[in-house]
Protein backbone atom coordinates (compact mmCIF):
# COMPACT_ATOMS: atom_id res chain seq x y z
CA MET A 1 79.68 3.36 -26.65
CA LEU A 2 76.83 4.93 -28.62
CA ASP A 3 75.44 6.57 -25.48
CA LEU A 4 78.87 8.04 -24.69
CA LEU A 5 79.24 9.51 -28.17
CA LEU A 6 75.75 11.02 -28.01
CA LEU A 7 76.45 12.51 -24.59
CA MET A 8 79.64 14.11 -25.91
CA ALA A 9 77.71 15.51 -28.86
CA VAL A 10 75.07 17.02 -26.61
CA LEU A 11 77.69 18.61 -24.35
CA GLU A 12 79.44 20.06 -27.36
CA ASN A 13 76.12 21.45 -28.58
CA PHE A 14 75.60 23.26 -25.29
CA LYS A 15 78.93 25.01 -25.75
CA VAL A 16 77.53 26.47 -28.95
CA SER A 17 74.67 28.04 -26.98
CA CYS A 18 77.09 30.53 -25.47
CA PHE A 19 77.60 32.24 -28.83
CA TYR A 20 75.55 33.88 -31.58
CA THR A 21 75.79 32.71 -35.14
CA TYR A 22 75.26 35.14 -38.00
CA ILE A 23 73.05 33.62 -40.72
CA SER A 24 72.79 36.70 -42.93
CA ASP A 25 73.08 40.46 -42.74
CA SER A 26 69.49 40.81 -41.57
CA PHE A 27 69.03 37.79 -39.29
CA LEU A 28 70.73 36.85 -36.06
CA VAL A 29 69.98 33.33 -34.84
CA PRO A 30 70.75 32.56 -31.19
CA GLY A 31 73.28 29.79 -30.76
CA ALA A 32 70.84 28.12 -28.38
CA THR A 33 68.51 27.50 -31.33
CA VAL A 34 71.33 25.84 -33.27
CA ALA A 35 72.19 23.74 -30.20
CA THR A 36 68.55 22.69 -29.87
CA LEU A 37 68.34 21.53 -33.47
CA LEU A 38 71.61 19.61 -33.22
CA MET A 39 70.48 18.00 -29.97
CA LEU A 40 67.24 16.93 -31.63
CA GLY A 41 69.28 15.25 -34.35
CA ALA A 42 71.36 13.37 -31.79
CA LEU A 43 68.30 12.25 -29.86
CA HIS A 44 66.61 11.16 -33.07
CA ALA A 45 69.65 9.07 -34.09
CA ARG A 46 69.55 7.34 -30.74
CA ARG A 47 65.80 6.76 -30.97
CA MET A 48 66.14 5.26 -34.45
CA TYR A 49 68.83 2.89 -33.22
CA GLN A 50 66.74 1.75 -30.26
CA ASP A 51 63.58 1.41 -32.34
CA LYS A 52 65.42 -0.75 -34.87
CA LYS A 53 66.62 -3.09 -32.13
CA THR A 54 63.13 -3.25 -30.65
CA GLU A 55 61.53 -4.08 -34.00
CA GLU A 56 64.09 -6.82 -34.67
CA LEU A 57 63.32 -8.45 -31.32
CA ARG A 58 59.57 -8.21 -31.86
CA ASP A 59 59.95 -9.82 -35.29
CA LYS A 60 61.58 -12.73 -33.50
CA GLY A 61 58.57 -13.04 -31.21
CA VAL A 62 60.26 -11.58 -28.13
CA GLU A 63 57.77 -10.11 -25.63
CA PHE A 64 59.28 -7.40 -23.47
CA GLU A 65 58.96 -7.77 -19.71
CA PHE A 66 59.41 -5.34 -16.84
CA GLN A 67 63.03 -5.19 -15.68
CA PRO A 68 64.42 -2.17 -13.78
CA ASP A 69 67.94 -1.08 -14.73
CA VAL A 70 70.62 1.36 -13.59
CA LYS A 71 69.63 4.04 -16.11
CA ALA A 72 66.09 4.14 -14.70
CA SER A 73 67.48 4.69 -11.20
CA PHE A 74 69.84 7.39 -12.48
CA LEU A 75 66.91 9.35 -13.94
CA ARG A 76 65.66 10.00 -10.40
CA LEU A 77 68.77 12.08 -9.76
CA LEU A 78 68.29 14.37 -12.75
CA PRO A 79 66.36 17.67 -12.52
CA LEU A 80 63.99 16.64 -15.30
CA ARG A 81 61.38 19.28 -14.43
CA SER A 82 63.95 22.08 -14.68
CA ILE A 83 65.35 20.57 -17.88
CA SER A 84 61.85 20.48 -19.33
CA ARG A 85 61.27 24.14 -18.46
CA CYS A 86 64.55 25.03 -20.20
CA TRP A 87 63.41 23.02 -23.21
CA GLY A 88 60.17 24.97 -23.22
CA TYR A 89 62.16 28.21 -23.28
CA LEU A 90 64.33 27.03 -26.17
CA THR A 91 61.40 25.83 -28.27
CA SER A 92 59.65 29.18 -27.72
CA MET A 93 62.49 31.11 -29.37
CA GLU A 94 61.53 32.68 -32.68
CA ILE A 95 63.08 31.22 -35.83
CA PRO A 96 63.81 33.49 -38.84
CA VAL A 97 61.00 33.32 -41.39
CA TRP A 98 63.24 32.13 -44.24
CA LEU A 99 64.63 29.28 -42.10
CA ARG A 100 61.32 27.97 -40.74
CA PRO A 101 60.26 25.76 -43.70
CA HIS A 102 63.68 24.10 -43.79
CA VAL A 103 63.66 23.36 -40.05
CA TYR A 104 60.11 21.98 -40.04
CA ARG A 105 60.61 19.88 -43.18
CA ALA A 106 63.74 18.38 -41.61
CA TRP A 107 61.69 17.59 -38.51
CA GLY A 108 58.94 16.06 -40.62
CA ARG A 109 61.40 13.79 -42.44
CA ALA A 110 63.11 12.74 -39.23
CA PHE A 111 59.92 11.95 -37.30
CA HIS A 112 57.61 10.98 -40.20
CA SER A 113 55.21 13.92 -39.82
CA ASN A 114 52.74 14.67 -42.60
CA LEU A 115 53.27 18.41 -43.02
CA GLU A 116 50.69 18.60 -45.82
CA GLU A 117 48.02 18.41 -43.11
CA ALA A 118 49.18 21.59 -41.35
CA ALA A 119 46.51 24.28 -41.31
CA LEU A 120 49.04 27.08 -42.04
CA SER A 121 52.03 27.39 -44.33
CA LEU A 122 55.27 26.42 -42.57
CA ASP A 123 56.66 29.95 -42.48
CA LYS A 124 53.73 31.01 -40.27
CA TYR A 125 54.91 28.96 -37.27
CA ALA A 126 57.23 31.34 -35.43
CA SER A 127 58.81 28.74 -33.12
CA LEU A 128 59.18 25.02 -32.63
CA LYS A 129 56.55 25.21 -29.89
CA ASP A 130 54.02 26.75 -32.29
CA PHE A 131 54.87 24.05 -34.82
CA PHE A 132 54.46 21.24 -32.26
CA VAL A 133 50.90 22.27 -31.36
CA ARG A 134 49.85 23.13 -34.93
CA THR A 135 46.26 22.58 -35.99
CA LEU A 136 45.24 20.53 -39.03
CA LYS A 137 43.43 21.46 -42.22
CA GLU A 138 39.69 21.10 -41.98
CA GLY A 139 38.64 17.61 -43.02
CA SER A 140 42.02 16.01 -42.30
CA ARG A 141 40.49 13.87 -39.56
CA PRO A 142 36.92 12.73 -40.28
CA ILE A 143 35.12 11.96 -37.02
CA ASP A 144 33.30 8.62 -36.92
CA ALA A 145 29.66 9.69 -36.49
CA ASP A 146 28.35 6.31 -35.29
CA PRO A 147 26.53 7.02 -31.98
CA GLN A 148 27.55 3.55 -30.77
CA CYS A 149 31.24 4.27 -31.22
CA LEU A 150 34.04 5.69 -29.09
CA VAL A 151 36.79 7.44 -31.07
CA SER A 152 40.48 7.94 -30.40
CA PRO A 153 41.24 11.30 -28.75
CA VAL A 154 44.72 11.50 -30.33
CA ASP A 155 47.00 10.43 -33.13
CA GLY A 156 49.30 7.76 -31.74
CA THR A 157 50.18 4.13 -31.17
CA VAL A 158 47.86 1.85 -29.18
CA LEU A 159 49.94 0.31 -26.39
CA ARG A 160 47.44 -1.46 -24.16
CA PHE A 161 43.69 -1.86 -23.80
CA GLY A 162 41.23 -4.14 -22.10
CA GLU A 163 38.57 -4.53 -19.44
CA LEU A 164 39.14 -3.71 -15.77
CA ASN A 165 37.84 -6.59 -13.69
CA GLY A 166 37.22 -6.68 -9.97
CA ALA A 167 37.72 -4.13 -7.22
CA GLY A 168 41.52 -4.14 -7.78
CA ALA A 169 41.18 -2.37 -11.16
CA MET A 170 44.76 -2.75 -12.41
CA ILE A 171 46.13 -1.53 -15.77
CA GLU A 172 49.07 -3.39 -17.29
CA GLN A 173 52.05 -1.10 -17.92
CA VAL A 174 54.09 -3.92 -19.44
CA LYS A 175 54.26 -7.68 -18.96
CA GLY A 176 55.20 -8.30 -15.36
CA PHE A 177 54.05 -4.99 -13.90
CA SER A 178 50.68 -3.25 -13.49
CA TYR A 179 49.48 -0.09 -11.75
CA SER A 180 46.25 0.88 -10.03
CA VAL A 181 43.61 2.87 -11.89
CA PHE A 182 42.69 4.42 -8.53
CA SER A 183 46.18 5.90 -8.20
CA LEU A 184 46.23 7.08 -11.81
CA LEU A 185 42.94 8.95 -11.63
CA GLY A 186 43.10 10.04 -8.03
CA ALA A 187 40.32 7.90 -6.52
CA SER A 188 40.68 6.36 -3.10
CA PRO A 189 41.39 2.59 -3.14
CA SER A 190 39.17 2.20 -0.06
CA LEU A 191 35.93 3.09 -1.86
CA PRO A 192 33.20 0.66 -0.76
CA THR A 193 31.56 -1.77 -3.17
CA THR A 194 28.02 -0.69 -4.00
CA THR A 195 24.90 -2.83 -4.03
CA ASP A 196 22.39 -3.16 -6.84
CA ASP A 197 20.10 -0.79 -4.92
CA ASN A 198 22.76 1.91 -4.96
CA VAL A 199 23.27 1.39 -8.66
CA GLN A 200 19.58 1.53 -9.44
CA GLU A 201 19.29 4.79 -7.49
CA GLU A 202 22.14 6.32 -9.46
CA HIS A 203 20.73 5.26 -12.83
CA SER A 204 17.28 6.57 -12.05
CA GLY A 205 18.61 10.13 -11.61
CA SER A 206 19.76 12.69 -14.14
CA ILE A 207 23.37 13.55 -14.95
CA THR A 208 25.15 14.49 -11.72
CA THR A 209 25.25 18.08 -10.58
CA THR A 210 26.28 17.60 -6.94
CA GLU A 211 29.37 16.44 -5.07
CA LYS A 212 27.42 13.47 -3.64
CA SER A 213 26.51 12.09 -7.05
CA LYS A 214 30.08 12.55 -8.29
CA LYS A 215 31.40 10.39 -5.46
CA SER A 216 28.69 7.81 -6.13
CA TRP A 217 29.73 7.53 -9.76
CA TRP A 218 33.28 6.80 -8.62
CA ARG A 219 31.91 3.97 -6.48
CA VAL A 220 29.82 2.58 -9.31
CA SER A 221 32.50 2.73 -11.98
CA LEU A 222 35.63 1.79 -10.07
CA ALA A 223 34.67 -0.18 -6.97
CA SER A 224 32.08 -2.24 -8.84
CA PRO A 225 32.92 -2.10 -12.58
CA LYS A 226 30.15 -4.44 -13.76
CA VAL A 227 26.80 -2.77 -13.19
CA TRP A 228 23.42 -4.43 -13.65
CA ASP A 229 20.27 -2.33 -13.68
CA PRO A 230 17.28 -4.44 -12.51
CA THR A 231 14.89 -2.18 -14.46
CA LEU A 232 16.62 -3.21 -17.72
CA SER A 233 16.42 0.41 -18.89
CA ARG A 234 20.19 0.34 -19.33
CA PRO A 235 22.59 -2.44 -20.25
CA GLN A 236 25.07 -4.07 -17.94
CA ARG A 237 28.30 -2.13 -18.14
CA GLY A 238 31.97 -2.95 -17.80
CA LEU A 239 34.89 -0.66 -17.14
CA PHE A 240 37.48 -0.48 -19.92
CA TYR A 241 40.80 1.28 -20.55
CA CYS A 242 43.01 2.19 -23.50
CA VAL A 243 46.58 3.59 -23.51
CA VAL A 244 47.77 5.56 -26.57
CA TYR A 245 51.35 6.84 -26.96
CA LEU A 246 52.10 9.97 -29.00
CA LYS A 247 55.50 10.00 -30.71
CA PRO A 248 57.36 13.31 -31.28
CA GLY A 249 56.25 13.35 -34.91
CA ASP A 250 52.57 12.85 -34.15
CA TYR A 251 49.87 15.52 -34.14
CA HIS A 252 49.96 16.80 -30.55
CA ARG A 253 46.42 17.94 -29.79
CA VAL A 254 43.93 15.98 -27.71
CA HIS A 255 40.26 15.80 -28.72
CA SER A 256 37.08 14.62 -27.08
CA PRO A 257 36.50 10.87 -27.61
CA ALA A 258 32.71 11.25 -27.29
CA ASP A 259 29.94 13.64 -26.33
CA TRP A 260 30.52 14.01 -22.59
CA ASN A 261 30.19 16.34 -19.63
CA ILE A 262 33.48 16.95 -17.79
CA LEU A 263 32.75 17.42 -14.09
CA VAL A 264 36.16 17.39 -12.40
CA ARG A 265 39.75 18.26 -13.26
CA ARG A 266 42.71 17.01 -11.20
CA HIS A 267 46.29 18.17 -11.66
CA PHE A 268 49.02 15.91 -10.24
CA SER A 269 52.42 17.63 -9.95
CA GLY A 270 54.87 14.76 -10.36
CA ARG A 271 58.08 13.80 -12.06
CA LEU A 272 58.74 14.05 -15.79
CA TYR A 273 60.28 10.74 -16.78
CA PRO A 274 60.40 9.85 -20.49
CA LEU A 275 57.50 7.73 -21.74
CA ASN A 276 59.25 5.77 -24.50
CA GLU A 277 59.24 1.99 -24.78
CA ARG A 278 62.38 1.55 -22.68
CA ALA A 279 60.96 3.68 -19.87
CA THR A 280 57.69 1.69 -19.73
CA ARG A 281 59.59 -1.53 -19.03
CA THR A 282 62.19 -0.14 -16.60
CA ILE A 283 60.41 2.48 -14.41
CA ARG A 284 57.82 1.37 -11.88
CA ASN A 285 54.52 3.26 -11.75
CA LEU A 286 55.66 5.41 -14.66
CA TYR A 287 52.26 6.93 -15.41
CA ILE A 288 51.51 7.46 -11.72
CA GLU A 289 54.90 9.06 -10.97
CA ASN A 290 54.65 11.56 -13.85
CA GLU A 291 52.86 14.89 -13.88
CA ARG A 292 49.40 14.58 -15.37
CA VAL A 293 46.03 16.22 -15.82
CA VAL A 294 42.99 14.00 -15.24
CA LEU A 295 39.51 14.88 -16.48
CA GLU A 296 36.53 12.99 -15.07
CA GLY A 297 32.91 13.10 -16.20
CA LEU A 298 29.97 11.31 -17.77
CA TRP A 299 29.02 10.23 -21.26
CA GLN A 300 25.99 8.38 -22.58
CA GLU A 301 27.23 5.04 -21.24
CA GLY A 302 28.28 6.22 -17.78
CA PHE A 303 31.66 7.13 -16.31
CA MET A 304 34.58 8.44 -18.37
CA ALA A 305 38.04 9.75 -17.44
CA LEU A 306 40.95 10.92 -19.58
CA ALA A 307 44.49 11.23 -18.19
CA ALA A 308 46.94 13.40 -20.18
CA ILE A 309 50.39 12.41 -18.93
CA GLY A 310 53.43 14.67 -19.25
CA ALA A 311 56.98 13.49 -19.93
CA THR A 312 60.53 14.81 -20.22
CA ASN A 313 60.44 18.03 -22.30
CA ILE A 314 56.62 17.85 -22.27
CA GLY A 315 55.91 19.29 -18.85
CA SER A 316 53.53 21.82 -20.34
CA ILE A 317 50.01 20.48 -20.85
CA GLU A 318 47.62 23.09 -22.22
CA LEU A 319 43.97 22.58 -21.30
CA PHE A 320 41.70 24.47 -23.69
CA ILE A 321 38.66 24.27 -21.39
CA GLU A 322 40.75 25.87 -18.63
CA PRO A 323 43.45 28.08 -20.24
CA GLU A 324 44.65 29.45 -16.91
CA LEU A 325 45.89 26.04 -15.73
CA GLN A 326 49.69 25.93 -15.52
CA THR A 327 51.68 22.70 -15.36
CA ASN A 328 55.36 22.00 -14.55
CA LYS A 329 55.54 24.87 -12.08
CA PRO A 330 58.56 25.00 -9.73
CA ARG A 331 57.64 23.19 -6.51
CA LYS A 332 59.60 21.96 -3.55
CA LEU A 333 57.33 19.02 -2.86
CA LEU A 334 55.95 16.58 -5.41
CA HIS A 335 54.18 13.59 -3.91
CA SER A 336 53.59 14.80 -0.35
CA GLU A 337 50.67 16.97 -1.37
CA PRO A 338 47.27 15.99 -2.84
CA PRO A 339 46.38 16.80 -6.45
CA GLU A 340 45.05 20.26 -7.16
CA GLU A 341 41.38 19.74 -8.01
CA ARG A 342 38.72 21.87 -9.64
CA VAL A 343 35.09 20.71 -9.59
CA TYR A 344 33.38 22.26 -12.60
CA GLU A 345 29.93 21.06 -11.54
CA CYS A 346 30.15 23.16 -8.37
CA GLU A 347 30.36 26.21 -10.66
CA GLY A 348 26.89 25.44 -12.01
CA VAL A 349 27.48 22.96 -14.84
CA GLY A 350 30.30 20.87 -16.18
CA ARG A 351 32.21 21.37 -19.40
CA MET A 352 30.09 19.94 -22.23
CA LEU A 353 32.07 18.69 -25.23
CA LYS A 354 31.06 17.12 -28.52
CA LYS A 355 32.87 14.18 -30.09
CA GLY A 356 36.00 15.54 -31.79
CA ASP A 357 36.13 18.91 -29.96
CA GLU A 358 39.62 20.18 -29.11
CA LEU A 359 40.44 19.48 -25.47
CA ALA A 360 44.16 19.88 -24.76
CA ALA A 361 47.65 19.94 -26.32
CA PHE A 362 51.12 18.57 -25.54
CA ASN A 363 54.29 20.41 -26.53
CA MET A 364 55.71 17.26 -28.14
CA GLY A 365 54.54 13.69 -27.74
CA SER A 366 53.22 11.97 -24.63
CA THR A 367 50.62 9.44 -23.50
CA VAL A 368 46.86 9.47 -22.98
CA VAL A 369 45.03 6.91 -20.85
CA LEU A 370 41.27 6.62 -21.37
CA VAL A 371 39.09 4.88 -18.73
CA PHE A 372 35.39 4.47 -19.46
CA GLN A 373 32.25 2.46 -18.93
CA ALA A 374 30.69 0.70 -21.93
CA PRO A 375 27.97 -1.93 -22.49
CA ILE A 376 28.70 -5.58 -21.90
CA SER A 377 25.25 -7.03 -22.61
CA LYS A 378 21.59 -6.10 -22.76
CA GLU A 379 18.56 -8.32 -22.56
CA PHE A 380 14.92 -7.42 -23.02
CA ASN A 381 12.12 -9.37 -21.39
CA GLY A 382 12.03 -11.75 -24.33
CA GLY A 383 15.81 -12.25 -24.23
CA ASP A 384 16.04 -11.61 -27.97
CA SER A 385 18.70 -8.90 -28.13
CA SER A 386 22.24 -8.30 -26.88
CA GLN A 387 25.06 -5.78 -27.31
CA GLU A 388 28.68 -5.72 -26.29
CA PHE A 389 31.52 -3.20 -26.55
CA LYS A 390 34.48 -4.45 -28.59
CA PHE A 391 37.76 -2.69 -29.40
CA CYS A 392 38.48 -2.13 -33.10
CA VAL A 393 42.26 -2.00 -32.62
CA LYS A 394 45.19 -4.24 -31.72
CA PRO A 395 48.27 -3.45 -29.60
CA GLY A 396 50.84 -1.68 -31.77
CA ASP A 397 48.26 -0.26 -34.20
CA ARG A 398 48.66 3.30 -35.40
CA ILE A 399 45.46 5.29 -34.95
CA ARG A 400 44.37 8.84 -35.73
CA TYR A 401 42.01 10.96 -33.72
CA GLY A 402 38.41 10.57 -34.88
CA GLU A 403 38.89 6.89 -35.82
CA ALA A 404 36.95 4.28 -33.87
CA LEU A 405 38.57 2.74 -30.81
CA GLY A 406 35.60 0.46 -30.22
CA ARG A 407 31.92 -0.13 -31.00
CA TRP A 408 28.87 -1.91 -29.68
CA HIS A 409 25.90 -3.04 -31.77
CA SER A 410 22.70 -4.91 -31.12
CA SER A 411 22.31 -8.39 -32.60
CA ARG A 412 19.29 -10.71 -32.82
CA HIS A 413 19.38 -14.15 -31.29
CA SER A 414 18.43 -16.98 -33.59
């Protein structure tokens, strides 16, 4: 019944978009803008209702499992990419200066955004799109300076994290369903398992600058996640992952989680399903089906990849290190063609970023999946020291960019 009422409200709002509403003698606000704001209110009411039910079930100890439903199947019939492009057009429409603070404060109250952190005064953001990708005041997000620390690239909610074990390398989407990290990042599942000799050869070289070394790092990090260097110059490493969901009210920019050299960019043109809690437990291969931009490179501990995943109304992913990249472009074919790839290292060098540097932006909220190598243990000849990467968060935790996701520290054996 609630869904029917909301649908009727949205349809009524679209009727308004055919007209122009006079706000004052000097300002003319398109009816489409009014319809957009009303639609946001309807969607927010629905989200609040669903979130309340979810929280009540979690308080009772209910763990959600994967279970496809009719609504998930119906989403495949909707032109979500076209809808998202229309949304992008609507949010790009200029709002009268006098109205801007009222609109953005209403948004902040509805989605729990801290507008005091905005770098500019609210009347400086000409459109909802500008407001969505706003920057923050300097010092709003202190970056953890610990060199043995990996920080969150975004503000958001930690959904899943853990270690990827074995050649299968599966990431849990929700209880009862997992997806392949190979499919997410674009690596071939048939990559051969390397030997210790291959690993030692890779570790003895400098940071990769050729296509051959790039492929070798894929083999080391994904086909054989646990790496042992016989020379003991580097610790044994495991392959880890972390999934962070950005709500509509979150800060929407993506930052570098560490000092790293980005060597490859892949753009997958896919669907634009929603990425909310209901979608994660009803749509198979949600993160693999959706449009996404994957960055792959190296940091001090080995391999690192970051996948920025688009969603309904968030088809536009801006990549600051490659401004000319365009996402959610009209295409006839989605999954029958390979991802569009750009190898930065073939252009001379990769894209070097420092921890905390701006990397990308979403138009609203979305999801980021981080896959990386990190130490598991280290032993010197005397066997008197060890170190191990450990996450500093729990599933469901709220985290801000610059805060530690995990650390590793040396400890003395007694």
